[in-house]
């Protein structure tokens, strides 16, 4: 069963709430495993570790979803947003991803977007309630994540860390805002 909407217009969540009270903790672990597998694999020029971890984590998330069609539409939208953001960052010359060919981000990076967005169903559902908060968290959290990825060698900032991380912060503020709007979206396209 999904949760109902509240006075802020927050969309119903797509994940069942009961009897899976154990799931948010498992979701946090699967997301962290996915992030590390993708980043460490990406730094080594390998996409399969991130693809495998994300595939397993998202499969579990979908298996527990009350409305798989809605969730799939949201995850697809999150992937499109992520590829657009990372492609724009690459085109700017301020961010470069290990293993990327041209402006299209590598698969290990692509799978992080739906994995991250799925957190809005449980662990980060409180972010969906406040668009301004989402913008701020994206502006701060994006650079932290990409900076951590850079420390492992998965991401590089050709024009310098400050310029690259500033661009990531601006892009992630917009992207997180868009993800929140997607998660508020009630209808699934036929």
N, C-alpha and C. Protein backbone atom coordinates (compact mmCIF):
# COMPACT_ATOMS: atom_id res chain seq x y z
N UNK A 1 0.85 -1.18 0.00
CA UNK A 1 0.00 0.00 0.00
C UNK A 1 0.88 1.23 0.00
N UNK A 2 0.47 2.26 -0.68
CA UNK A 2 1.23 3.51 -0.76
C UNK A 2 0.76 4.45 0.33
N UNK A 3 1.52 5.52 0.55
CA UNK A 3 1.09 6.53 1.50
C UNK A 3 0.23 7.54 0.78
N UNK A 4 -0.64 8.22 1.51
CA UNK A 4 -1.52 9.19 0.87
C UNK A 4 -0.83 10.54 0.75
N UNK A 5 -1.40 11.41 -0.10
CA UNK A 5 -0.79 12.72 -0.27
C UNK A 5 -1.13 13.60 0.93
N UNK A 6 -0.28 14.60 1.15
CA UNK A 6 -0.53 15.51 2.25
C UNK A 6 -0.89 16.89 1.71
N UNK A 7 -1.02 17.86 2.59
CA UNK A 7 -1.48 19.18 2.18
C UNK A 7 -0.50 19.92 1.28
N UNK A 8 0.75 19.48 1.21
CA UNK A 8 1.72 20.14 0.33
C UNK A 8 1.65 19.60 -1.08
N UNK A 9 0.79 18.64 -1.33
CA UNK A 9 0.64 18.11 -2.67
C UNK A 9 1.64 17.02 -2.99
N UNK A 10 2.31 16.50 -1.98
CA UNK A 10 3.29 15.45 -2.21
C UNK A 10 2.59 14.22 -2.76
N UNK A 11 3.15 13.67 -3.79
CA UNK A 11 2.56 12.49 -4.43
C UNK A 11 2.62 11.29 -3.51
N UNK A 12 1.70 10.39 -3.76
CA UNK A 12 1.74 9.13 -3.03
C UNK A 12 3.04 8.42 -3.34
N UNK A 13 3.62 7.81 -2.35
CA UNK A 13 4.85 7.07 -2.57
C UNK A 13 4.51 5.74 -3.23
N UNK A 14 5.43 5.23 -4.00
CA UNK A 14 5.15 4.02 -4.75
C UNK A 14 5.56 2.76 -4.00
N UNK A 15 6.18 2.90 -2.86
CA UNK A 15 6.66 1.73 -2.14
C UNK A 15 5.66 1.33 -1.06
N UNK A 16 5.50 0.04 -0.89
CA UNK A 16 4.64 -0.44 0.19
C UNK A 16 5.26 -0.04 1.52
N UNK A 17 4.46 0.33 2.48
CA UNK A 17 4.98 0.73 3.78
C UNK A 17 4.94 -0.44 4.76
N UNK A 18 3.96 -1.27 4.74
CA UNK A 18 3.88 -2.39 5.67
C UNK A 18 3.55 -3.62 4.85
N UNK A 19 4.04 -4.76 5.17
CA UNK A 19 4.78 -5.11 6.37
C UNK A 19 6.30 -5.01 6.21
N UNK A 20 6.77 -4.20 5.30
CA UNK A 20 8.20 -4.13 5.00
C UNK A 20 8.92 -3.02 5.78
N UNK A 21 8.70 -2.95 7.08
CA UNK A 21 9.33 -1.92 7.90
C UNK A 21 10.85 -2.06 7.89
N UNK A 22 11.35 -3.22 7.56
CA UNK A 22 12.79 -3.47 7.50
C UNK A 22 13.43 -2.86 6.26
N UNK A 23 12.64 -2.54 5.26
CA UNK A 23 13.20 -2.18 3.96
C UNK A 23 14.02 -0.88 3.94
N UNK A 24 13.65 0.21 4.59
CA UNK A 24 14.49 1.41 4.49
C UNK A 24 15.95 1.17 4.87
N UNK A 25 16.19 0.38 5.88
CA UNK A 25 17.57 0.06 6.25
C UNK A 25 18.28 -0.73 5.17
N UNK A 26 17.58 -1.69 4.61
CA UNK A 26 18.14 -2.48 3.51
C UNK A 26 18.37 -1.58 2.30
N UNK A 27 17.43 -0.66 2.04
CA UNK A 27 17.57 0.24 0.90
C UNK A 27 18.81 1.13 1.05
N UNK A 28 19.05 1.62 2.24
CA UNK A 28 20.25 2.43 2.48
C UNK A 28 21.51 1.63 2.18
N UNK A 29 21.56 0.39 2.64
CA UNK A 29 22.73 -0.45 2.39
C UNK A 29 22.87 -0.74 0.90
N UNK A 30 21.78 -1.09 0.23
CA UNK A 30 21.89 -1.41 -1.20
C UNK A 30 22.29 -0.18 -2.01
N UNK A 31 21.82 1.02 -1.61
CA UNK A 31 22.23 2.23 -2.32
C UNK A 31 23.72 2.49 -2.12
N UNK A 32 24.21 2.34 -0.90
CA UNK A 32 25.63 2.58 -0.64
C UNK A 32 26.50 1.56 -1.38
N UNK A 33 26.08 0.30 -1.40
CA UNK A 33 26.81 -0.72 -2.15
C UNK A 33 26.83 -0.35 -3.64
N UNK A 34 25.68 0.09 -4.16
CA UNK A 34 25.61 0.49 -5.56
C UNK A 34 26.54 1.65 -5.84
N UNK A 35 26.53 2.67 -4.97
CA UNK A 35 27.38 3.84 -5.18
C UNK A 35 28.86 3.43 -5.21
N UNK A 36 29.29 2.66 -4.22
CA UNK A 36 30.70 2.25 -4.18
C UNK A 36 31.06 1.34 -5.35
N UNK A 37 30.18 0.41 -5.70
CA UNK A 37 30.46 -0.48 -6.83
C UNK A 37 30.58 0.32 -8.13
N UNK A 38 29.68 1.29 -8.32
CA UNK A 38 29.72 2.10 -9.53
C UNK A 38 30.98 2.97 -9.56
N UNK A 39 31.28 3.64 -8.46
CA UNK A 39 32.44 4.55 -8.42
C UNK A 39 33.74 3.79 -8.51
N UNK A 40 33.90 2.74 -7.75
CA UNK A 40 35.14 1.97 -7.78
C UNK A 40 35.31 1.27 -9.13
N UNK A 41 34.22 0.70 -9.65
CA UNK A 41 34.27 0.10 -10.98
C UNK A 41 34.58 1.14 -12.03
N UNK A 42 33.90 2.29 -11.95
CA UNK A 42 34.12 3.37 -12.91
C UNK A 42 35.55 3.85 -12.90
N UNK A 43 36.13 3.99 -11.72
CA UNK A 43 37.53 4.43 -11.61
C UNK A 43 38.48 3.44 -12.29
N UNK A 44 38.07 2.17 -12.29
CA UNK A 44 38.89 1.13 -12.93
C UNK A 44 38.50 0.93 -14.40
N UNK A 45 37.56 1.75 -14.89
CA UNK A 45 37.13 1.62 -16.28
C UNK A 45 36.13 0.48 -16.50
N UNK A 46 35.48 0.04 -15.44
CA UNK A 46 34.53 -1.07 -15.52
C UNK A 46 33.12 -0.58 -15.18
N UNK A 47 32.17 -0.91 -16.00
CA UNK A 47 30.78 -0.55 -15.70
C UNK A 47 30.01 -1.66 -15.01
N UNK A 48 30.41 -2.92 -15.20
CA UNK A 48 29.61 -4.03 -14.72
C UNK A 48 29.39 -4.05 -13.21
N UNK A 49 30.35 -3.63 -12.36
CA UNK A 49 30.03 -3.67 -10.92
C UNK A 49 28.86 -2.76 -10.55
N UNK A 50 28.83 -1.56 -11.11
CA UNK A 50 27.72 -0.65 -10.84
C UNK A 50 26.42 -1.14 -11.44
N UNK A 51 26.50 -1.68 -12.66
CA UNK A 51 25.30 -2.20 -13.31
C UNK A 51 24.71 -3.37 -12.50
N UNK A 52 25.57 -4.26 -12.03
CA UNK A 52 25.10 -5.41 -11.26
C UNK A 52 24.47 -4.96 -9.94
N UNK A 53 25.17 -4.11 -9.21
CA UNK A 53 24.64 -3.66 -7.91
C UNK A 53 23.35 -2.87 -8.08
N UNK A 54 23.32 -1.96 -9.06
CA UNK A 54 22.10 -1.18 -9.29
C UNK A 54 20.96 -2.08 -9.75
N UNK A 55 21.26 -3.03 -10.61
CA UNK A 55 20.22 -3.95 -11.08
C UNK A 55 19.59 -4.72 -9.95
N UNK A 56 20.42 -5.23 -9.04
CA UNK A 56 19.89 -5.98 -7.90
C UNK A 56 19.10 -5.08 -6.95
N UNK A 57 19.65 -3.90 -6.66
CA UNK A 57 18.97 -2.98 -5.75
C UNK A 57 17.65 -2.49 -6.30
N UNK A 58 17.65 -2.12 -7.58
CA UNK A 58 16.41 -1.64 -8.20
C UNK A 58 15.39 -2.76 -8.38
N UNK A 59 15.87 -3.98 -8.64
CA UNK A 59 14.95 -5.12 -8.75
C UNK A 59 14.23 -5.34 -7.42
N UNK A 60 14.95 -5.27 -6.31
CA UNK A 60 14.32 -5.41 -5.00
C UNK A 60 13.32 -4.28 -4.77
N UNK A 61 13.73 -3.06 -5.11
CA UNK A 61 12.85 -1.90 -4.93
C UNK A 61 11.56 -2.08 -5.74
N UNK A 62 11.70 -2.51 -6.97
CA UNK A 62 10.52 -2.74 -7.82
C UNK A 62 9.66 -3.89 -7.30
N UNK A 63 10.31 -4.93 -6.79
CA UNK A 63 9.55 -6.07 -6.28
C UNK A 63 8.65 -5.67 -5.11
N UNK A 64 9.07 -4.68 -4.34
CA UNK A 64 8.30 -4.24 -3.18
C UNK A 64 7.35 -3.09 -3.50
N UNK A 65 7.40 -2.59 -4.72
CA UNK A 65 6.58 -1.44 -5.10
C UNK A 65 5.12 -1.82 -5.24
N UNK A 66 4.26 -0.99 -4.72
CA UNK A 66 2.83 -1.21 -4.86
C UNK A 66 2.37 -0.86 -6.26
N UNK A 67 3.01 0.14 -6.87
CA UNK A 67 2.63 0.60 -8.20
C UNK A 67 3.86 0.61 -9.10
N UNK A 68 4.18 -0.56 -9.64
CA UNK A 68 5.40 -0.71 -10.44
C UNK A 68 5.41 0.18 -11.67
N UNK A 69 4.27 0.36 -12.31
CA UNK A 69 4.21 1.21 -13.50
C UNK A 69 4.60 2.64 -13.19
N UNK A 70 4.05 3.17 -12.10
CA UNK A 70 4.39 4.52 -11.68
C UNK A 70 5.87 4.62 -11.32
N UNK A 71 6.36 3.65 -10.59
CA UNK A 71 7.76 3.68 -10.20
C UNK A 71 8.68 3.57 -11.41
N UNK A 72 8.37 2.69 -12.33
CA UNK A 72 9.20 2.57 -13.54
C UNK A 72 9.24 3.88 -14.33
N UNK A 73 8.09 4.55 -14.44
CA UNK A 73 8.05 5.83 -15.14
C UNK A 73 8.92 6.86 -14.42
N UNK A 74 8.86 6.88 -13.11
CA UNK A 74 9.68 7.82 -12.33
C UNK A 74 11.17 7.50 -12.48
N UNK A 75 11.52 6.23 -12.42
CA UNK A 75 12.93 5.85 -12.56
C UNK A 75 13.47 6.16 -13.95
N UNK A 76 12.65 5.96 -14.96
CA UNK A 76 13.05 6.32 -16.32
C UNK A 76 13.25 7.83 -16.44
N UNK A 77 12.33 8.61 -15.88
CA UNK A 77 12.48 10.07 -15.90
C UNK A 77 13.75 10.49 -15.17
N UNK A 78 14.04 9.85 -14.04
CA UNK A 78 15.25 10.17 -13.29
C UNK A 78 16.49 9.87 -14.11
N UNK A 79 16.46 8.79 -14.86
CA UNK A 79 17.60 8.42 -15.71
C UNK A 79 17.80 9.46 -16.81
N UNK A 80 16.71 9.90 -17.42
CA UNK A 80 16.80 10.93 -18.47
C UNK A 80 17.35 12.23 -17.89
N UNK A 81 16.86 12.62 -16.72
CA UNK A 81 17.36 13.83 -16.07
C UNK A 81 18.85 13.68 -15.79
N UNK A 82 19.26 12.55 -15.25
CA UNK A 82 20.66 12.33 -14.92
C UNK A 82 21.57 12.33 -16.13
N UNK A 83 21.17 11.65 -17.18
CA UNK A 83 21.99 11.63 -18.40
C UNK A 83 22.09 13.04 -18.97
N UNK A 84 21.01 13.80 -18.91
CA UNK A 84 21.02 15.18 -19.40
C UNK A 84 21.96 16.05 -18.57
N UNK A 85 21.88 15.92 -17.27
CA UNK A 85 22.74 16.70 -16.37
C UNK A 85 24.21 16.34 -16.59
N UNK A 86 24.52 15.06 -16.58
CA UNK A 86 25.92 14.65 -16.73
C UNK A 86 26.44 14.94 -18.13
N UNK A 87 25.59 14.82 -19.14
CA UNK A 87 25.99 15.17 -20.50
C UNK A 87 26.29 16.66 -20.62
N UNK A 88 25.46 17.48 -19.97
CA UNK A 88 25.69 18.93 -19.97
C UNK A 88 26.98 19.28 -19.23
N UNK A 89 27.20 18.64 -18.10
CA UNK A 89 28.45 18.89 -17.36
C UNK A 89 29.66 18.49 -18.20
N UNK A 90 29.57 17.35 -18.89
CA UNK A 90 30.68 16.92 -19.75
C UNK A 90 30.88 17.90 -20.91
N UNK A 91 29.77 18.37 -21.51
CA UNK A 91 29.86 19.31 -22.63
C UNK A 91 30.49 20.63 -22.21
N UNK A 92 30.28 21.00 -20.95
CA UNK A 92 30.85 22.26 -20.45
C UNK A 92 32.38 22.18 -20.34
N UNK A 93 32.91 20.96 -20.30
CA UNK A 93 34.34 20.79 -20.12
C UNK A 93 34.78 20.91 -18.67
N UNK A 94 33.82 21.08 -17.77
CA UNK A 94 34.16 21.24 -16.36
C UNK A 94 34.20 19.92 -15.60
N UNK A 95 33.57 18.89 -16.18
CA UNK A 95 33.52 17.57 -15.54
C UNK A 95 33.82 16.52 -16.61
N UNK A 96 34.64 15.55 -16.22
CA UNK A 96 34.94 14.42 -17.11
C UNK A 96 34.82 13.14 -16.29
N UNK A 97 34.13 12.16 -16.87
CA UNK A 97 33.92 10.87 -16.20
C UNK A 97 34.86 9.83 -16.78
N UNK A 98 35.52 9.08 -15.92
CA UNK A 98 36.41 8.01 -16.37
C UNK A 98 35.58 7.02 -17.18
N UNK A 99 36.05 6.69 -18.36
CA UNK A 99 35.38 5.72 -19.21
C UNK A 99 34.31 6.29 -20.10
N UNK A 100 34.10 7.61 -20.04
CA UNK A 100 33.07 8.23 -20.89
C UNK A 100 33.61 8.39 -22.30
N UNK A 101 32.73 8.22 -23.26
CA UNK A 101 33.12 8.48 -24.65
C UNK A 101 32.27 9.65 -25.12
N UNK A 102 32.90 10.78 -25.29
CA UNK A 102 32.17 11.96 -25.71
C UNK A 102 31.35 12.55 -24.58
N UNK A 103 30.15 12.98 -24.93
CA UNK A 103 29.30 13.67 -23.96
C UNK A 103 28.35 12.75 -23.22
N UNK A 104 28.30 11.49 -23.63
CA UNK A 104 27.40 10.54 -22.97
C UNK A 104 28.11 9.94 -21.76
N UNK A 105 27.49 10.06 -20.58
CA UNK A 105 28.13 9.50 -19.39
C UNK A 105 28.24 7.98 -19.48
N UNK A 106 29.23 7.41 -18.82
CA UNK A 106 29.37 5.94 -18.84
C UNK A 106 28.23 5.28 -18.07
N UNK A 107 28.01 4.01 -18.37
CA UNK A 107 26.91 3.27 -17.74
C UNK A 107 26.99 3.26 -16.23
N UNK A 108 28.21 3.20 -15.70
CA UNK A 108 28.33 3.16 -14.24
C UNK A 108 27.77 4.43 -13.61
N UNK A 109 27.82 5.54 -14.34
CA UNK A 109 27.26 6.80 -13.85
C UNK A 109 25.76 6.85 -14.08
N UNK A 110 25.32 6.37 -15.21
CA UNK A 110 23.89 6.39 -15.56
C UNK A 110 23.06 5.67 -14.50
N UNK A 111 23.52 4.50 -14.04
CA UNK A 111 22.71 3.71 -13.11
C UNK A 111 22.61 4.34 -11.72
N UNK A 112 23.48 5.28 -11.42
CA UNK A 112 23.39 5.94 -10.12
C UNK A 112 22.16 6.84 -10.01
N UNK A 113 21.70 7.38 -11.13
CA UNK A 113 20.56 8.30 -11.09
C UNK A 113 19.25 7.62 -10.65
N UNK A 114 18.83 6.53 -11.27
CA UNK A 114 17.60 5.90 -10.76
C UNK A 114 17.80 5.32 -9.35
N UNK A 115 19.00 4.88 -9.06
CA UNK A 115 19.26 4.35 -7.71
C UNK A 115 19.11 5.45 -6.67
N UNK A 116 19.65 6.63 -6.97
CA UNK A 116 19.50 7.78 -6.07
C UNK A 116 18.04 8.20 -5.97
N UNK A 117 17.38 8.33 -7.10
CA UNK A 117 15.99 8.81 -7.12
C UNK A 117 15.05 7.87 -6.35
N UNK A 118 15.34 6.59 -6.36
CA UNK A 118 14.49 5.63 -5.63
C UNK A 118 14.46 5.93 -4.13
N UNK A 119 15.48 6.63 -3.64
CA UNK A 119 15.51 6.98 -2.21
C UNK A 119 14.33 7.88 -1.83
N UNK A 120 13.74 8.58 -2.82
CA UNK A 120 12.60 9.45 -2.53
C UNK A 120 11.36 8.65 -2.12
N UNK A 121 11.37 7.35 -2.31
CA UNK A 121 10.24 6.52 -1.90
C UNK A 121 10.23 6.23 -0.40
N UNK A 122 11.37 6.29 0.24
CA UNK A 122 11.38 5.95 1.66
C UNK A 122 12.36 6.82 2.44
N UNK A 123 13.64 6.64 2.27
CA UNK A 123 14.62 7.33 3.08
C UNK A 123 14.59 8.85 2.90
N UNK A 124 14.30 9.32 1.72
CA UNK A 124 14.31 10.76 1.44
C UNK A 124 12.93 11.30 1.08
N UNK A 125 11.87 10.63 1.48
CA UNK A 125 10.54 11.11 1.11
C UNK A 125 10.25 12.48 1.72
N UNK A 126 10.90 12.82 2.81
CA UNK A 126 10.74 14.13 3.43
C UNK A 126 11.24 15.25 2.53
N UNK A 127 12.19 14.95 1.64
CA UNK A 127 12.70 15.97 0.71
C UNK A 127 11.63 16.33 -0.32
N UNK A 128 10.81 15.37 -0.69
CA UNK A 128 9.78 15.58 -1.71
C UNK A 128 8.77 16.64 -1.24
N UNK A 129 8.62 16.80 0.03
CA UNK A 129 7.64 17.75 0.58
C UNK A 129 8.05 19.21 0.43
N UNK A 130 9.34 19.49 0.21
CA UNK A 130 9.81 20.88 0.22
C UNK A 130 10.78 21.09 -0.94
N UNK A 131 10.30 21.72 -1.99
CA UNK A 131 11.12 21.95 -3.18
C UNK A 131 12.35 22.80 -2.87
N UNK A 132 12.19 23.81 -2.04
CA UNK A 132 13.35 24.67 -1.70
C UNK A 132 14.43 23.87 -0.99
N UNK A 133 14.02 23.01 -0.09
CA UNK A 133 14.98 22.15 0.60
C UNK A 133 15.69 21.24 -0.40
N UNK A 134 14.94 20.70 -1.36
CA UNK A 134 15.53 19.83 -2.37
C UNK A 134 16.59 20.58 -3.18
N UNK A 135 16.31 21.83 -3.53
CA UNK A 135 17.28 22.62 -4.29
C UNK A 135 18.58 22.82 -3.49
N UNK A 136 18.43 23.14 -2.22
CA UNK A 136 19.61 23.36 -1.37
C UNK A 136 20.39 22.06 -1.18
N UNK A 137 19.68 20.98 -0.89
CA UNK A 137 20.36 19.69 -0.69
C UNK A 137 21.06 19.23 -1.96
N UNK A 138 20.44 19.46 -3.12
CA UNK A 138 21.09 19.12 -4.38
C UNK A 138 22.35 19.95 -4.59
N UNK A 139 22.26 21.25 -4.31
CA UNK A 139 23.40 22.14 -4.49
C UNK A 139 24.57 21.76 -3.59
N UNK A 140 24.27 21.20 -2.43
CA UNK A 140 25.33 20.80 -1.49
C UNK A 140 25.74 19.33 -1.68
N UNK A 141 24.76 18.46 -1.84
CA UNK A 141 25.04 17.03 -1.92
C UNK A 141 25.70 16.59 -3.21
N UNK A 142 25.34 17.21 -4.32
CA UNK A 142 25.96 16.87 -5.60
C UNK A 142 27.47 17.03 -5.57
N UNK A 143 27.95 18.22 -5.17
CA UNK A 143 29.41 18.40 -5.10
C UNK A 143 30.10 17.44 -4.12
N UNK A 144 29.43 17.12 -3.02
CA UNK A 144 30.02 16.17 -2.07
C UNK A 144 30.18 14.80 -2.74
N UNK A 145 29.14 14.34 -3.43
CA UNK A 145 29.19 13.03 -4.09
C UNK A 145 30.21 13.01 -5.22
N UNK A 146 30.22 14.05 -6.05
CA UNK A 146 31.16 14.08 -7.17
C UNK A 146 32.59 14.29 -6.67
N UNK A 147 32.75 15.06 -5.60
CA UNK A 147 34.07 15.22 -5.00
C UNK A 147 34.59 13.90 -4.45
N UNK A 148 33.70 13.13 -3.84
CA UNK A 148 34.10 11.80 -3.35
C UNK A 148 34.46 10.90 -4.53
N UNK A 149 33.66 10.97 -5.60
CA UNK A 149 33.98 10.20 -6.80
C UNK A 149 35.32 10.59 -7.38
N UNK A 150 35.64 11.88 -7.33
CA UNK A 150 36.94 12.36 -7.82
C UNK A 150 38.09 11.82 -6.97
N UNK A 151 37.84 11.69 -5.68
CA UNK A 151 38.91 11.17 -4.81
C UNK A 151 39.25 9.72 -5.13
N UNK A 152 38.32 8.99 -5.74
CA UNK A 152 38.57 7.61 -6.16
C UNK A 152 39.05 7.53 -7.61
N UNK A 153 39.04 8.66 -8.31
CA UNK A 153 39.50 8.67 -9.70
C UNK A 153 38.42 8.40 -10.72
N UNK A 154 37.14 8.44 -10.31
CA UNK A 154 36.05 8.17 -11.24
C UNK A 154 35.58 9.42 -11.97
N UNK A 155 35.82 10.58 -11.38
CA UNK A 155 35.40 11.86 -11.92
C UNK A 155 36.59 12.80 -11.89
N UNK A 156 36.68 13.66 -12.90
CA UNK A 156 37.79 14.62 -12.97
C UNK A 156 37.23 16.00 -13.29
N UNK A 157 37.91 17.02 -12.84
CA UNK A 157 37.51 18.41 -13.08
C UNK A 157 38.61 19.12 -13.85
N UNK A 158 38.57 19.04 -15.18
CA UNK A 158 39.65 19.59 -16.01
C UNK A 158 39.94 21.07 -15.79
N UNK A 159 38.94 21.87 -15.45
CA UNK A 159 39.15 23.31 -15.24
C UNK A 159 39.43 23.64 -13.78
N UNK A 160 39.63 22.62 -12.97
CA UNK A 160 39.89 22.82 -11.55
C UNK A 160 38.70 22.40 -10.69
N UNK A 161 39.02 22.06 -9.45
CA UNK A 161 37.99 21.57 -8.53
C UNK A 161 36.90 22.60 -8.25
N UNK A 162 37.29 23.85 -8.03
CA UNK A 162 36.30 24.86 -7.66
C UNK A 162 35.29 25.06 -8.78
N UNK A 163 35.76 25.24 -10.00
CA UNK A 163 34.85 25.44 -11.14
C UNK A 163 34.00 24.20 -11.38
N UNK A 164 34.62 23.03 -11.32
CA UNK A 164 33.88 21.80 -11.56
C UNK A 164 32.83 21.55 -10.50
N UNK A 165 33.19 21.72 -9.25
CA UNK A 165 32.22 21.47 -8.17
C UNK A 165 31.13 22.52 -8.13
N UNK A 166 31.45 23.76 -8.51
CA UNK A 166 30.41 24.80 -8.59
C UNK A 166 29.40 24.44 -9.68
N UNK A 167 29.89 23.97 -10.82
CA UNK A 167 28.99 23.55 -11.90
C UNK A 167 28.14 22.37 -11.46
N UNK A 168 28.73 21.42 -10.77
CA UNK A 168 27.98 20.27 -10.26
C UNK A 168 26.90 20.74 -9.28
N UNK A 169 27.25 21.67 -8.40
CA UNK A 169 26.27 22.17 -7.44
C UNK A 169 25.07 22.82 -8.12
N UNK A 170 25.33 23.64 -9.13
CA UNK A 170 24.23 24.29 -9.85
C UNK A 170 23.38 23.24 -10.59
N UNK A 171 24.06 22.32 -11.25
CA UNK A 171 23.33 21.29 -12.01
C UNK A 171 22.53 20.40 -11.07
N UNK A 172 23.10 20.05 -9.93
CA UNK A 172 22.39 19.17 -9.00
C UNK A 172 21.24 19.87 -8.29
N UNK A 173 21.34 21.16 -8.08
CA UNK A 173 20.20 21.89 -7.51
C UNK A 173 19.01 21.75 -8.47
N UNK A 174 19.27 21.99 -9.74
CA UNK A 174 18.21 21.87 -10.75
C UNK A 174 17.71 20.44 -10.85
N UNK A 175 18.64 19.49 -10.92
CA UNK A 175 18.27 18.08 -11.08
C UNK A 175 17.46 17.58 -9.90
N UNK A 176 17.86 17.92 -8.69
CA UNK A 176 17.13 17.45 -7.51
C UNK A 176 15.73 18.07 -7.47
N UNK A 177 15.64 19.33 -7.86
CA UNK A 177 14.32 19.96 -7.97
C UNK A 177 13.44 19.24 -8.97
N UNK A 178 14.00 18.90 -10.13
CA UNK A 178 13.24 18.16 -11.14
C UNK A 178 12.84 16.78 -10.64
N UNK A 179 13.75 16.10 -9.94
CA UNK A 179 13.41 14.79 -9.39
C UNK A 179 12.25 14.88 -8.39
N UNK A 180 12.25 15.90 -7.57
CA UNK A 180 11.15 16.09 -6.62
C UNK A 180 9.84 16.29 -7.38
N UNK A 181 9.87 17.08 -8.44
CA UNK A 181 8.65 17.28 -9.23
C UNK A 181 8.20 15.97 -9.87
N UNK A 182 9.14 15.16 -10.33
CA UNK A 182 8.79 13.85 -10.89
C UNK A 182 8.16 12.98 -9.81
N UNK A 183 8.71 13.01 -8.60
CA UNK A 183 8.16 12.17 -7.54
C UNK A 183 6.80 12.67 -7.07
N UNK A 184 6.49 13.91 -7.30
CA UNK A 184 5.16 14.44 -6.98
C UNK A 184 4.14 14.11 -8.06
N UNK A 185 4.61 13.72 -9.20
CA UNK A 185 3.78 13.42 -10.36
C UNK A 185 2.88 12.23 -10.03
N UNK A 186 1.60 12.39 -10.26
CA UNK A 186 0.63 11.36 -9.88
C UNK A 186 0.30 10.38 -10.99
N UNK A 187 0.29 10.83 -12.22
CA UNK A 187 -0.15 9.98 -13.32
C UNK A 187 1.02 9.28 -13.97
N UNK A 188 0.79 8.06 -14.36
CA UNK A 188 1.76 7.32 -15.15
C UNK A 188 1.26 7.35 -16.58
N UNK A 189 2.16 7.73 -17.49
CA UNK A 189 1.76 7.77 -18.89
C UNK A 189 1.32 6.38 -19.34
N UNK A 190 0.28 6.30 -20.20
CA UNK A 190 -0.20 4.98 -20.63
C UNK A 190 0.82 4.23 -21.46
